[in-house]
Amino acid sequence: MAREHLLAIGRLDPKALAKSVTLKHVATVEKEMLLSLGEDPVLDEEGARRRMGRALEILRGLSPKDGFLADVESSASDIIDPIGGSLGVYLGVAEDIDKALEGAMHVFFGVPREQ
């Protein structure tokens, strides 16, 4: 959800950091990613594997430096921890998560067709 989580991953397993990204960062680059990946929805497990692999390659190409998939020095991709906050803070964080999940789902699984 935030830089501190990426940094914790890096301390536990530096190789895993190269495959880690914040939810909000993926949503932030959704339009760029969809230009490369297309919007067609993923229909099976193999298609999901291929798309996730391509998405990670594209994220690496967009990475700011050092092979990280997100900028660990910028708070722009953080979803804040609402603990101790007001109801309004919790609702705001819930909206951030919902919006970021929608963007990430489009990146990783395509855009659902209207039914």
PDB file of N, CA and C in Angstrom:
ATOM      1  N   MET A   1       0.801  -1.206   0.000  1.00  0.00           N
ATOM      2  CA  MET A   1       0.000   0.000   0.000  1.00  0.00           C
ATOM      3  C   MET A   1       0.845   1.272   0.000  1.00  0.00           C
ATOM      4  N   ALA A   2       2.068   1.191   0.570  1.00  0.00           N
ATOM      5  CA  ALA A   2       2.872   2.405   0.702  1.00  0.00           C
ATOM      6  C   ALA A   2       4.355   2.071   0.620  1.00  0.00           C
ATOM      7  N   ARG A   3       5.159   3.141   0.515  1.00  0.00           N
ATOM      8  CA  ARG A   3       6.613   2.979   0.399  1.00  0.00           C
ATOM      9  C   ARG A   3       7.199   2.148   1.522  1.00  0.00           C
ATOM     10  N   GLU A   4       6.702   2.352   2.739  1.00  0.00           N
ATOM     11  CA  GLU A   4       7.287   1.597   3.853  1.00  0.00           C
ATOM     12  C   GLU A   4       7.117   0.099   3.661  1.00  0.00           C
ATOM     13  N   HIS A   5       6.049  -0.306   2.971  1.00  0.00           N
ATOM     14  CA  HIS A   5       5.853  -1.724   2.691  1.00  0.00           C
ATOM     15  C   HIS A   5       6.875  -2.205   1.655  1.00  0.00           C
ATOM     16  N   LEU A   6       7.133  -1.381   0.639  1.00  0.00           N
ATOM     17  CA  LEU A   6       8.149  -1.739  -0.343  1.00  0.00           C
ATOM     18  C   LEU A   6       9.525  -1.845   0.314  1.00  0.00           C
ATOM     19  N   LEU A   7       9.820  -0.907   1.193  1.00  0.00           N
ATOM     20  CA  LEU A   7      11.123  -0.930   1.864  1.00  0.00           C
ATOM     21  C   LEU A   7      11.248  -2.157   2.764  1.00  0.00           C
ATOM     22  N   ALA A   8      10.156  -2.555   3.413  1.00  0.00           N
ATOM     23  CA  ALA A   8      10.175  -3.768   4.245  1.00  0.00           C
ATOM     24  C   ALA A   8      10.426  -5.002   3.378  1.00  0.00           C
ATOM     25  N   ILE A   9       9.798  -5.050   2.219  1.00  0.00           N
ATOM     26  CA  ILE A   9      10.022  -6.156   1.283  1.00  0.00           C
ATOM     27  C   ILE A   9      11.494  -6.194   0.888  1.00  0.00           C
ATOM     28  N   GLY A  10      12.060  -5.034   0.596  1.00  0.00           N
ATOM     29  CA  GLY A  10      13.458  -4.945   0.213  1.00  0.00           C
ATOM     30  C   GLY A  10      14.403  -5.430   1.296  1.00  0.00           C
ATOM     31  N   ARG A  11      14.046  -5.168   2.557  1.00  0.00           N
ATOM     32  CA  ARG A  11      14.885  -5.646   3.654  1.00  0.00           C
ATOM     33  C   ARG A  11      14.785  -7.163   3.805  1.00  0.00           C
ATOM     34  N   LEU A  12      13.585  -7.709   3.597  1.00  0.00           N
ATOM     35  CA  LEU A  12      13.388  -9.154   3.737  1.00  0.00           C
ATOM     36  C   LEU A  12      13.976  -9.935   2.569  1.00  0.00           C
ATOM     37  N   ASP A  13      13.783  -9.412   1.360  1.00  0.00           N
ATOM     38  CA  ASP A  13      14.256 -10.115   0.168  1.00  0.00           C
ATOM     39  C   ASP A  13      14.480  -9.093  -0.944  1.00  0.00           C
ATOM     40  N   PRO A  14      15.696  -8.596  -1.100  1.00  0.00           N
ATOM     41  CA  PRO A  14      15.966  -7.578  -2.110  1.00  0.00           C
ATOM     42  C   PRO A  14      15.526  -7.970  -3.521  1.00  0.00           C
ATOM     43  N   LYS A  15      15.599  -9.253  -3.860  1.00  0.00           N
ATOM     44  CA  LYS A  15      15.162  -9.683  -5.192  1.00  0.00           C
ATOM     45  C   LYS A  15      13.654  -9.518  -5.364  1.00  0.00           C
ATOM     46  N   ALA A  16      12.902  -9.688  -4.289  1.00  0.00           N
ATOM     47  CA  ALA A  16      11.445  -9.556  -4.362  1.00  0.00           C
ATOM     48  C   ALA A  16      11.028  -8.115  -4.612  1.00  0.00           C
ATOM     49  N   LEU A  17      11.848  -7.172  -4.182  1.00  0.00           N
ATOM     50  CA  LEU A  17      11.511  -5.753  -4.387  1.00  0.00           C
ATOM     51  C   LEU A  17      11.401  -5.435  -5.875  1.00  0.00           C
ATOM     52  N   ALA A  18      12.195  -6.094  -6.698  1.00  0.00           N
ATOM     53  CA  ALA A  18      12.139  -5.866  -8.141  1.00  0.00           C
ATOM     54  C   ALA A  18      10.826  -6.345  -8.754  1.00  0.00           C
ATOM     55  N   LYS A  19      10.025  -7.095  -7.994  1.00  0.00           N
ATOM     56  CA  LYS A  19       8.731  -7.583  -8.470  1.00  0.00           C
ATOM     57  C   LYS A  19       7.576  -6.990  -7.668  1.00  0.00           C
ATOM     58  N   SER A  20       7.863  -5.954  -6.876  1.00  0.00           N
ATOM     59  CA  SER A  20       6.855  -5.385  -5.978  1.00  0.00           C
ATOM     60  C   SER A  20       6.504  -3.964  -6.401  1.00  0.00           C
ATOM     61  N   VAL A  21       5.256  -3.633  -6.244  1.00  0.00           N
ATOM     62  CA  VAL A  21       4.776  -2.311  -6.638  1.00  0.00           C
ATOM     63  C   VAL A  21       3.569  -1.976  -5.766  1.00  0.00           C
ATOM     64  N   THR A  22       3.336  -0.704  -5.551  1.00  0.00           N
ATOM     65  CA  THR A  22       2.149  -0.340  -4.784  1.00  0.00           C
ATOM     66  C   THR A  22       0.913  -0.375  -5.684  1.00  0.00           C
ATOM     67  N   LEU A  23      -0.191  -0.637  -5.079  1.00  0.00           N
ATOM     68  CA  LEU A  23      -1.473  -0.692  -5.785  1.00  0.00           C
ATOM     69  C   LEU A  23      -1.757   0.627  -6.498  1.00  0.00           C
ATOM     70  N   LYS A  24      -1.542   1.724  -5.805  1.00  0.00           N
ATOM     71  CA  LYS A  24      -1.847   3.039  -6.367  1.00  0.00           C
ATOM     72  C   LYS A  24      -0.927   3.369  -7.538  1.00  0.00           C
ATOM     73  N   HIS A  25       0.324   2.912  -7.481  1.00  0.00           N
ATOM     74  CA  HIS A  25       1.244   3.172  -8.600  1.00  0.00           C
ATOM     75  C   HIS A  25       0.732   2.497  -9.864  1.00  0.00           C
ATOM     76  N   VAL A  26       0.283   1.260  -9.752  1.00  0.00           N
ATOM     77  CA  VAL A  26      -0.243   0.557 -10.928  1.00  0.00           C
ATOM     78  C   VAL A  26      -1.431   1.330 -11.491  1.00  0.00           C
ATOM     79  N   ALA A  27      -2.316   1.790 -10.623  1.00  0.00           N
ATOM     80  CA  ALA A  27      -3.483   2.546 -11.075  1.00  0.00           C
ATOM     81  C   ALA A  27      -3.070   3.867 -11.718  1.00  0.00           C
ATOM     82  N   THR A  28      -2.007   4.468 -11.221  1.00  0.00           N
ATOM     83  CA  THR A  28      -1.535   5.753 -11.749  1.00  0.00           C
ATOM     84  C   THR A  28      -1.049   5.619 -13.187  1.00  0.00           C
ATOM     85  N   VAL A  29      -0.472   4.483 -13.533  1.00  0.00           N
ATOM     86  CA  VAL A  29       0.056   4.279 -14.891  1.00  0.00           C
ATOM     87  C   VAL A  29      -0.902   3.433 -15.747  1.00  0.00           C
ATOM     88  N   GLU A  30      -2.146   3.311 -15.311  1.00  0.00           N
ATOM     89  CA  GLU A  30      -3.133   2.478 -16.017  1.00  0.00           C
ATOM     90  C   GLU A  30      -3.234   2.815 -17.502  1.00  0.00           C
ATOM     91  N   LYS A  31      -3.388   4.085 -17.851  1.00  0.00           N
ATOM     92  CA  LYS A  31      -3.578   4.458 -19.259  1.00  0.00           C
ATOM     93  C   LYS A  31      -2.368   4.061 -20.109  1.00  0.00           C
ATOM     94  N   GLU A  32      -1.165   4.320 -19.618  1.00  0.00           N
ATOM     95  CA  GLU A  32       0.044   3.926 -20.345  1.00  0.00           C
ATOM     96  C   GLU A  32       0.106   2.411 -20.504  1.00  0.00           C
ATOM     97  N   MET A  33      -0.235   1.707 -19.442  1.00  0.00           N
ATOM     98  CA  MET A  33      -0.178   0.249 -19.471  1.00  0.00           C
ATOM     99  C   MET A  33      -1.183  -0.314 -20.468  1.00  0.00           C
ATOM    100  N   LEU A  34      -2.396   0.239 -20.486  1.00  0.00           N
ATOM    101  CA  LEU A  34      -3.426  -0.271 -21.386  1.00  0.00           C
ATOM    102  C   LEU A  34      -3.080  -0.004 -22.846  1.00  0.00           C
ATOM    103  N   LEU A  35      -2.342   1.074 -23.109  1.00  0.00           N
ATOM    104  CA  LEU A  35      -1.896   1.323 -24.480  1.00  0.00           C
ATOM    105  C   LEU A  35      -1.003   0.187 -24.969  1.00  0.00           C
ATOM    106  N   SER A  36      -0.184  -0.343 -24.092  1.00  0.00           N
ATOM    107  CA  SER A  36       0.709  -1.444 -24.464  1.00  0.00           C
ATOM    108  C   SER A  36       0.049  -2.814 -24.371  1.00  0.00           C
ATOM    109  N   LEU A  37      -0.768  -3.003 -23.337  1.00  0.00           N
ATOM    110  CA  LEU A  37      -1.369  -4.319 -23.093  1.00  0.00           C
ATOM    111  C   LEU A  37      -2.671  -4.536 -23.846  1.00  0.00           C
ATOM    112  N   GLY A  38      -3.337  -3.461 -24.207  1.00  0.00           N
ATOM    113  CA  GLY A  38      -4.671  -3.553 -24.777  1.00  0.00           C
ATOM    114  C   GLY A  38      -5.713  -3.665 -23.678  1.00  0.00           C
ATOM    115  N   GLU A  39      -6.962  -3.545 -24.046  1.00  0.00           N
ATOM    116  CA  GLU A  39      -8.045  -3.563 -23.068  1.00  0.00           C
ATOM    117  C   GLU A  39      -8.820  -4.870 -23.037  1.00  0.00           C
ATOM    118  N   ASP A  40      -8.508  -5.794 -23.961  1.00  0.00           N
ATOM    119  CA  ASP A  40      -9.259  -7.047 -24.012  1.00  0.00           C
ATOM    120  C   ASP A  40      -9.165  -7.771 -22.678  1.00  0.00           C
ATOM    121  N   PRO A  41     -10.303  -8.269 -22.182  1.00  0.00           N
ATOM    122  CA  PRO A  41     -10.284  -8.971 -20.899  1.00  0.00           C
ATOM    123  C   PRO A  41      -9.565 -10.320 -20.998  1.00  0.00           C
ATOM    124  N   VAL A  42      -8.942 -10.700 -19.908  1.00  0.00           N
ATOM    125  CA  VAL A  42      -8.299 -12.012 -19.801  1.00  0.00           C
ATOM    126  C   VAL A  42      -9.389 -13.051 -19.601  1.00  0.00           C
ATOM    127  N   LEU A  43      -9.301 -14.143 -20.345  1.00  0.00           N
ATOM    128  CA  LEU A  43     -10.370 -15.142 -20.307  1.00  0.00           C
ATOM    129  C   LEU A  43      -9.988 -16.445 -19.622  1.00  0.00           C
ATOM    130  N   ASP A  44      -8.693 -16.647 -19.360  1.00  0.00           N
ATOM    131  CA  ASP A  44      -8.296 -17.905 -18.729  1.00  0.00           C
ATOM    132  C   ASP A  44      -7.011 -17.700 -17.925  1.00  0.00           C
ATOM    133  N   GLU A  45      -6.626 -18.733 -17.200  1.00  0.00           N
ATOM    134  CA  GLU A  45      -5.462 -18.649 -16.322  1.00  0.00           C
ATOM    135  C   GLU A  45      -4.172 -18.400 -17.103  1.00  0.00           C
ATOM    136  N   GLU A  46      -4.007 -19.064 -18.228  1.00  0.00           N
ATOM    137  CA  GLU A  46      -2.801 -18.867 -19.031  1.00  0.00           C
ATOM    138  C   GLU A  46      -2.729 -17.431 -19.552  1.00  0.00           C
ATOM    139  N   GLY A  47      -3.857 -16.898 -19.976  1.00  0.00           N
ATOM    140  CA  GLY A  47      -3.892 -15.504 -20.416  1.00  0.00           C
ATOM    141  C   GLY A  47      -3.535 -14.550 -19.286  1.00  0.00           C
ATOM    142  N   ALA A  48      -3.973 -14.873 -18.080  1.00  0.00           N
ATOM    143  CA  ALA A  48      -3.647 -14.040 -16.913  1.00  0.00           C
ATOM    144  C   ALA A  48      -2.145 -14.076 -16.641  1.00  0.00           C
ATOM    145  N   ARG A  49      -1.539 -15.247 -16.735  1.00  0.00           N
ATOM    146  CA  ARG A  49      -0.089 -15.370 -16.520  1.00  0.00           C
ATOM    147  C   ARG A  49       0.691 -14.534 -17.541  1.00  0.00           C
ATOM    148  N   ARG A  50       0.300 -14.662 -18.809  1.00  0.00           N
ATOM    149  CA  ARG A  50       0.989 -13.907 -19.863  1.00  0.00           C
ATOM    150  C   ARG A  50       0.844 -12.404 -19.636  1.00  0.00           C
ATOM    151  N   ARG A  51      -0.368 -11.971 -19.325  1.00  0.00           N
ATOM    152  CA  ARG A  51      -0.613 -10.544 -19.151  1.00  0.00           C
ATOM    153  C   ARG A  51       0.139 -10.002 -17.932  1.00  0.00           C
ATOM    154  N   MET A  52       0.155 -10.754 -16.847  1.00  0.00           N
ATOM    155  CA  MET A  52       0.888 -10.313 -15.653  1.00  0.00           C
ATOM    156  C   MET A  52       2.379 -10.192 -15.962  1.00  0.00           C
ATOM    157  N   GLY A  53       2.916 -11.140 -16.704  1.00  0.00           N
ATOM    158  CA  GLY A  53       4.323 -11.071 -17.079  1.00  0.00           C
ATOM    159  C   GLY A  53       4.624  -9.849 -17.933  1.00  0.00           C
ATOM    160  N   ARG A  54       3.780  -9.608 -18.919  1.00  0.00           N
ATOM    161  CA  ARG A  54       3.956  -8.422 -19.776  1.00  0.00           C
ATOM    162  C   ARG A  54       3.797  -7.148 -18.971  1.00  0.00           C
ATOM    163  N   ALA A  55       2.825  -7.127 -18.053  1.00  0.00           N
ATOM    164  CA  ALA A  55       2.607  -5.936 -17.229  1.00  0.00           C
ATOM    165  C   ALA A  55       3.846  -5.634 -16.394  1.00  0.00           C
ATOM    166  N   LEU A  56       4.466  -6.661 -15.814  1.00  0.00           N
ATOM    167  CA  LEU A  56       5.682  -6.445 -15.023  1.00  0.00           C
ATOM    168  C   LEU A  56       6.819  -5.923 -15.893  1.00  0.00           C
ATOM    169  N   GLU A  57       6.941  -6.430 -17.111  1.00  0.00           N
ATOM    170  CA  GLU A  57       7.972  -5.926 -18.024  1.00  0.00           C
ATOM    171  C   GLU A  57       7.748  -4.450 -18.338  1.00  0.00           C
ATOM    172  N   ILE A  58       6.514  -4.095 -18.598  1.00  0.00           N
ATOM    173  CA  ILE A  58       6.192  -2.700 -18.920  1.00  0.00           C
ATOM    174  C   ILE A  58       6.437  -1.808 -17.706  1.00  0.00           C
ATOM    175  N   LEU A  59       6.037  -2.276 -16.532  1.00  0.00           N
ATOM    176  CA  LEU A  59       6.284  -1.500 -15.313  1.00  0.00           C
ATOM    177  C   LEU A  59       7.777  -1.277 -15.108  1.00  0.00           C
ATOM    178  N   ARG A  60       8.584  -2.291 -15.393  1.00  0.00           N
ATOM    179  CA  ARG A  60      10.041  -2.124 -15.278  1.00  0.00           C
ATOM    180  C   ARG A  60      10.524  -1.041 -16.234  1.00  0.00           C
ATOM    181  N   GLY A  61       9.952  -1.012 -17.428  1.00  0.00           N
ATOM    182  CA  GLY A  61      10.334   0.009 -18.413  1.00  0.00           C
ATOM    183  C   GLY A  61       9.932   1.408 -17.987  1.00  0.00           C
ATOM    184  N   LEU A  62       8.871   1.512 -17.208  1.00  0.00           N
ATOM    185  CA  LEU A  62       8.408   2.808 -16.724  1.00  0.00           C
ATOM    186  C   LEU A  62       9.053   3.193 -15.398  1.00  0.00           C
ATOM    187  N   SER A  63       9.838   2.286 -14.822  1.00  0.00           N
ATOM    188  CA  SER A  63      10.362   2.502 -13.478  1.00  0.00           C
ATOM    189  C   SER A  63      11.298   3.697 -13.426  1.00  0.00           C
ATOM    190  N   PRO A  64      11.252   4.411 -12.320  1.00  0.00           N
ATOM    191  CA  PRO A  64      12.045   5.632 -12.202  1.00  0.00           C
ATOM    192  C   PRO A  64      13.549   5.387 -12.105  1.00  0.00           C
ATOM    193  N   LYS A  65      13.977   4.323 -11.436  1.00  0.00           N
ATOM    194  CA  LYS A  65      15.408   4.051 -11.307  1.00  0.00           C
ATOM    195  C   LYS A  65      15.635   2.733 -10.585  1.00  0.00           C
ATOM    196  N   ASP A  66      16.853   2.271 -10.643  1.00  0.00           N
ATOM    197  CA  ASP A  66      17.319   1.124  -9.870  1.00  0.00           C
ATOM    198  C   ASP A  66      16.527  -0.152 -10.087  1.00  0.00           C
ATOM    199  N   GLY A  67      15.718  -0.232 -11.150  1.00  0.00           N
ATOM    200  CA  GLY A  67      14.960  -1.440 -11.404  1.00  0.00           C
ATOM    201  C   GLY A  67      13.736  -1.623 -10.522  1.00  0.00           C
ATOM    202  N   PHE A  68      13.454  -0.653  -9.633  1.00  0.00           N
ATOM    203  CA  PHE A  68      12.247  -0.751  -8.817  1.00  0.00           C
ATOM    204  C   PHE A  68      11.045  -0.469  -9.699  1.00  0.00           C
ATOM    205  N   LEU A  69       9.927  -1.087  -9.393  1.00  0.00           N
ATOM    206  CA  LEU A  69       8.728  -0.871 -10.199  1.00  0.00           C
ATOM    207  C   LEU A  69       8.004   0.405  -9.815  1.00  0.00           C
ATOM    208  N   ALA A  70       8.302   0.959  -8.652  1.00  0.00           N
ATOM    209  CA  ALA A  70       7.683   2.209  -8.214  1.00  0.00           C
ATOM    210  C   ALA A  70       8.759   3.053  -7.557  1.00  0.00           C
ATOM    211  N   ASP A  71       8.528   4.333  -7.486  1.00  0.00           N
ATOM    212  CA  ASP A  71       9.489   5.250  -6.882  1.00  0.00           C
ATOM    213  C   ASP A  71       9.386   5.153  -5.369  1.00  0.00           C
ATOM    214  N   VAL A  72      10.373   4.515  -4.738  1.00  0.00           N
ATOM    215  CA  VAL A  72      10.323   4.332  -3.285  1.00  0.00           C
ATOM    216  C   VAL A  72      10.667   5.619  -2.533  1.00  0.00           C
ATOM    217  N   GLU A  73      11.041   6.666  -3.256  1.00  0.00           N
ATOM    218  CA  GLU A  73      11.353   7.931  -2.602  1.00  0.00           C
ATOM    219  C   GLU A  73      10.195   8.920  -2.677  1.00  0.00           C
ATOM    220  N   SER A  74       9.118   8.562  -3.349  1.00  0.00           N
ATOM    221  CA  SER A  74       7.976   9.467  -3.513  1.00  0.00           C
ATOM    222  C   SER A  74       6.751   8.905  -2.808  1.00  0.00           C
ATOM    223  N   SER A  75       6.031   9.780  -2.142  1.00  0.00           N
ATOM    224  CA  SER A  75       4.804   9.345  -1.462  1.00  0.00           C
ATOM    225  C   SER A  75       3.595   9.366  -2.386  1.00  0.00           C
ATOM    226  N   ALA A  76       3.790   9.712  -3.660  1.00  0.00           N
ATOM    227  CA  ALA A  76       2.664   9.829  -4.591  1.00  0.00           C
ATOM    228  C   ALA A  76       1.908   8.518  -4.763  1.00  0.00           C
ATOM    229  N   SER A  77       2.570   7.375  -4.571  1.00  0.00           N
ATOM    230  CA  SER A  77       1.897   6.088  -4.748  1.00  0.00           C
ATOM    231  C   SER A  77       1.420   5.490  -3.445  1.00  0.00           C
ATOM    232  N   ASP A  78       1.503   6.233  -2.378  1.00  0.00           N
ATOM    233  CA  ASP A  78       1.090   5.707  -1.072  1.00  0.00           C
ATOM    234  C   ASP A  78      -0.422   5.778  -0.878  1.00  0.00           C
ATOM    235  N   ILE A  79      -0.961   4.736  -0.291  1.00  0.00           N
ATOM    236  CA  ILE A  79      -2.311   4.784   0.275  1.00  0.00           C
ATOM    237  C   ILE A  79      -2.074   4.841   1.772  1.00  0.00           C
ATOM    238  N   ILE A  80      -2.532   5.908   2.391  1.00  0.00           N
ATOM    239  CA  ILE A  80      -2.202   6.126   3.802  1.00  0.00           C
ATOM    240  C   ILE A  80      -2.878   5.099   4.704  1.00  0.00           C
ATOM    241  N   ASP A  81      -2.283   4.887   5.853  1.00  0.00           N
ATOM    242  CA  ASP A  81      -2.857   4.025   6.881  1.00  0.00           C
ATOM    243  C   ASP A  81      -3.817   4.894   7.701  1.00  0.00           C
ATOM    244  N   PRO A  82      -5.095   4.568   7.728  1.00  0.00           N
ATOM    245  CA  PRO A  82      -6.070   5.432   8.398  1.00  0.00           C
ATOM    246  C   PRO A  82      -6.152   5.231   9.913  1.00  0.00           C
ATOM    247  N   ILE A  83      -5.354   4.317  10.452  1.00  0.00           N
ATOM    248  CA  ILE A  83      -5.484   3.962  11.864  1.00  0.00           C
ATOM    249  C   ILE A  83      -5.474   5.224  12.736  1.00  0.00           C
ATOM    250  N   GLY A  84      -6.459   5.316  13.589  1.00  0.00           N
ATOM    251  CA  GLY A  84      -6.581   6.459  14.498  1.00  0.00           C
ATOM    252  C   GLY A  84      -7.246   7.667  13.886  1.00  0.00           C
ATOM    253  N   GLY A  85      -7.570   7.585  12.612  1.00  0.00           N
ATOM    254  CA  GLY A  85      -8.199   8.719  11.934  1.00  0.00           C
ATOM    255  C   GLY A  85      -9.710   8.742  12.141  1.00  0.00           C
ATOM    256  N   SER A  86     -10.300   9.778  11.645  1.00  0.00           N
ATOM    257  CA  SER A  86     -11.752   9.936  11.739  1.00  0.00           C
ATOM    258  C   SER A  86     -12.448   9.037  10.708  1.00  0.00           C
ATOM    259  N   LEU A  87     -13.757   8.969  10.820  1.00  0.00           N
ATOM    260  CA  LEU A  87     -14.546   8.212   9.850  1.00  0.00           C
ATOM    261  C   LEU A  87     -14.296   8.749   8.443  1.00  0.00           C
ATOM    262  N   GLY A  88     -14.180  10.056   8.315  1.00  0.00           N
ATOM    263  CA  GLY A  88     -13.915  10.666   7.007  1.00  0.00           C
ATOM    264  C   GLY A  88     -12.602  10.188   6.416  1.00  0.00           C
ATOM    265  N   VAL A  89     -11.581  10.042   7.261  1.00  0.00           N
ATOM    266  CA  VAL A  89     -10.284   9.546   6.789  1.00  0.00           C
ATOM    267  C   VAL A  89     -10.442   8.107   6.298  1.00  0.00           C
ATOM    268  N   TYR A  90     -11.132   7.279   7.078  1.00  0.00           N
ATOM    269  CA  TYR A  90     -11.353   5.885   6.670  1.00  0.00           C
ATOM    270  C   TYR A  90     -12.116   5.807   5.346  1.00  0.00           C
ATOM    271  N   LEU A  91     -13.130   6.635   5.199  1.00  0.00           N
ATOM    272  CA  LEU A  91     -13.905   6.626   3.956  1.00  0.00           C
ATOM    273  C   LEU A  91     -13.052   7.089   2.779  1.00  0.00           C
ATOM    274  N   GLY A  92     -12.205   8.077   3.008  1.00  0.00           N
ATOM    275  CA  GLY A  92     -11.301   8.544   1.954  1.00  0.00           C
ATOM    276  C   GLY A  92     -10.321   7.468   1.534  1.00  0.00           C
ATOM    277  N   VAL A  93      -9.775   6.752   2.506  1.00  0.00           N
ATOM    278  CA  VAL A  93      -8.847   5.660   2.200  1.00  0.00           C
ATOM    279  C   VAL A  93      -9.580   4.545   1.453  1.00  0.00           C
ATOM    280  N   ALA A  94     -10.807   4.247   1.866  1.00  0.00           N
ATOM    281  CA  ALA A  94     -11.602   3.226   1.171  1.00  0.00           C
ATOM    282  C   ALA A  94     -11.824   3.626  -0.287  1.00  0.00           C
ATOM    283  N   GLU A  95     -12.092   4.899  -0.543  1.00  0.00           N
ATOM    284  CA  GLU A  95     -12.261   5.377  -1.920  1.00  0.00           C
ATOM    285  C   GLU A  95     -10.959   5.253  -2.699  1.00  0.00           C
ATOM    286  N   ASP A  96      -9.828   5.601  -2.060  1.00  0.00           N
ATOM    287  CA  ASP A  96      -8.524   5.462  -2.720  1.00  0.00           C
ATOM    288  C   ASP A  96      -8.264   4.011  -3.106  1.00  0.00           C
ATOM    289  N   ILE A  97      -8.550   3.096  -2.185  1.00  0.00           N
ATOM    290  CA  ILE A  97      -8.332   1.669  -2.447  1.00  0.00           C
ATOM    291  C   ILE A  97      -9.244   1.191  -3.573  1.00  0.00           C
ATOM    292  N   ASP A  98     -10.513   1.580  -3.523  1.00  0.00           N
ATOM    293  CA  ASP A  98     -11.469   1.162  -4.550  1.00  0.00           C
ATOM    294  C   ASP A  98     -11.036   1.647  -5.930  1.00  0.00           C
ATOM    295  N   LYS A  99     -10.647   2.904  -6.019  1.00  0.00           N
ATOM    296  CA  LYS A  99     -10.225   3.468  -7.299  1.00  0.00           C
ATOM    297  C   LYS A  99      -8.942   2.787  -7.795  1.00  0.00           C
ATOM    298  N   ALA A 100      -7.977   2.589  -6.891  1.00  0.00           N
ATOM    299  CA  ALA A 100      -6.719   1.949  -7.265  1.00  0.00           C
ATOM    300  C   ALA A 100      -6.944   0.497  -7.691  1.00  0.00           C
ATOM    301  N   LEU A 101      -7.828  -0.220  -6.990  1.00  0.00           N
ATOM    302  CA  LEU A 101      -8.126  -1.605  -7.366  1.00  0.00           C
ATOM    303  C   LEU A 101      -8.743  -1.686  -8.754  1.00  0.00           C
ATOM    304  N   GLU A 102      -9.635  -0.771  -9.062  1.00  0.00           N
ATOM    305  CA  GLU A 102     -10.259  -0.782 -10.383  1.00  0.00           C
ATOM    306  C   GLU A 102      -9.198  -0.597 -11.471  1.00  0.00           C
ATOM    307  N   GLY A 103      -8.308   0.367 -11.275  1.00  0.00           N
ATOM    308  CA  GLY A 103      -7.244   0.593 -12.252  1.00  0.00           C
ATOM    309  C   GLY A 103      -6.308  -0.595 -12.369  1.00  0.00           C
ATOM    310  N   ALA A 104      -5.908  -1.162 -11.241  1.00  0.00           N
ATOM    311  CA  ALA A 104      -5.006  -2.316 -11.247  1.00  0.00           C
ATOM    312  C   ALA A 104      -5.666  -3.524 -11.902  1.00  0.00           C
ATOM    313  N   MET A 105      -6.938  -3.731 -11.639  1.00  0.00           N
ATOM    314  CA  MET A 105      -7.650  -4.861 -12.263  1.00  0.00           C
ATOM    315  C   MET A 105      -7.682  -4.695 -13.774  1.00  0.00           C
ATOM    316  N   HIS A 106      -7.866  -3.468 -14.261  1.00  0.00           N
ATOM    317  CA  HIS A 106      -7.846  -3.231 -15.709  1.00  0.00           C
ATOM    318  C   HIS A 106      -6.477  -3.553 -16.276  1.00  0.00           C
ATOM    319  N   VAL A 107      -5.424  -3.128 -15.568  1.00  0.00           N
ATOM    320  CA  VAL A 107      -4.063  -3.401 -16.030  1.00  0.00           C
ATOM    321  C   VAL A 107      -3.806  -4.899 -16.080  1.00  0.00           C
ATOM    322  N   PHE A 108      -4.100  -5.598 -15.013  1.00  0.00           N
ATOM    323  CA  PHE A 108      -3.724  -7.006 -14.913  1.00  0.00           C
ATOM    324  C   PHE A 108      -4.700  -7.971 -15.579  1.00  0.00           C
ATOM    325  N   PHE A 109      -5.953  -7.570 -15.743  1.00  0.00           N
ATOM    326  CA  PHE A 109      -6.961  -8.508 -16.272  1.00  0.00           C
ATOM    327  C   PHE A 109      -7.777  -7.951 -17.422  1.00  0.00           C
ATOM    328  N   GLY A 110      -7.470  -6.745 -17.889  1.00  0.00           N
ATOM    329  CA  GLY A 110      -8.215  -6.143 -18.984  1.00  0.00           C
ATOM    330  C   GLY A 110      -9.467  -5.449 -18.477  1.00  0.00           C
ATOM    331  N   VAL A 111     -10.133  -4.795 -19.413  1.00  0.00           N
ATOM    332  CA  VAL A 111     -11.342  -4.047 -19.076  1.00  0.00           C
ATOM    333  C   VAL A 111     -12.549  -4.934 -19.367  1.00  0.00           C
ATOM    334  N   PRO A 112     -13.410  -5.140 -18.378  1.00  0.00           N
ATOM    335  CA  PRO A 112     -14.565  -6.023 -18.608  1.00  0.00           C
ATOM    336  C   PRO A 112     -15.464  -5.475 -19.714  1.00  0.00           C
ATOM    337  N   ARG A 113     -16.008  -6.386 -20.480  1.00  0.00           N
ATOM    338  CA  ARG A 113     -16.961  -5.997 -21.528  1.00  0.00           C
ATOM    339  C   ARG A 113     -18.310  -5.710 -20.896  1.00  0.00           C
ATOM    340  N   GLU A 114     -18.991  -4.729 -21.459  1.00  0.00           N
ATOM    341  CA  GLU A 114     -20.350  -4.424 -20.998  1.00  0.00           C
ATOM    342  C   GLU A 114     -21.268  -5.596 -21.328  1.00  0.00           C
ATOM    343  N   GLN A 115     -22.128  -5.932 -20.378  1.00  0.00           N
ATOM    344  CA  GLN A 115     -23.034  -7.063 -20.620  1.00  0.00           C
ATOM    345  C   GLN A 115     -24.431  -6.590 -20.855  1.00  0.00           C
TER     346      GLN A 115
END
